[in-house]
């Protein structure tokens, strides 16, 4: 499915960038994405306000 997006759909839709998100603990997934040509480029941060935990 990812190969179809990178090889077929992106070209058909004239997409300039494909970005995905993966949890930091998913190291096997990261290797998989890198083998497909993706490059790690960001570190993300999350904040859960106290009112959201109710």
Foldseek 3Di string as FASTA:
>chain_A
DVCCVVPPVCVVVVPDDDDDDDDPVPVVVVVVVVVVPDDDDDDDDDDDDPVNVD
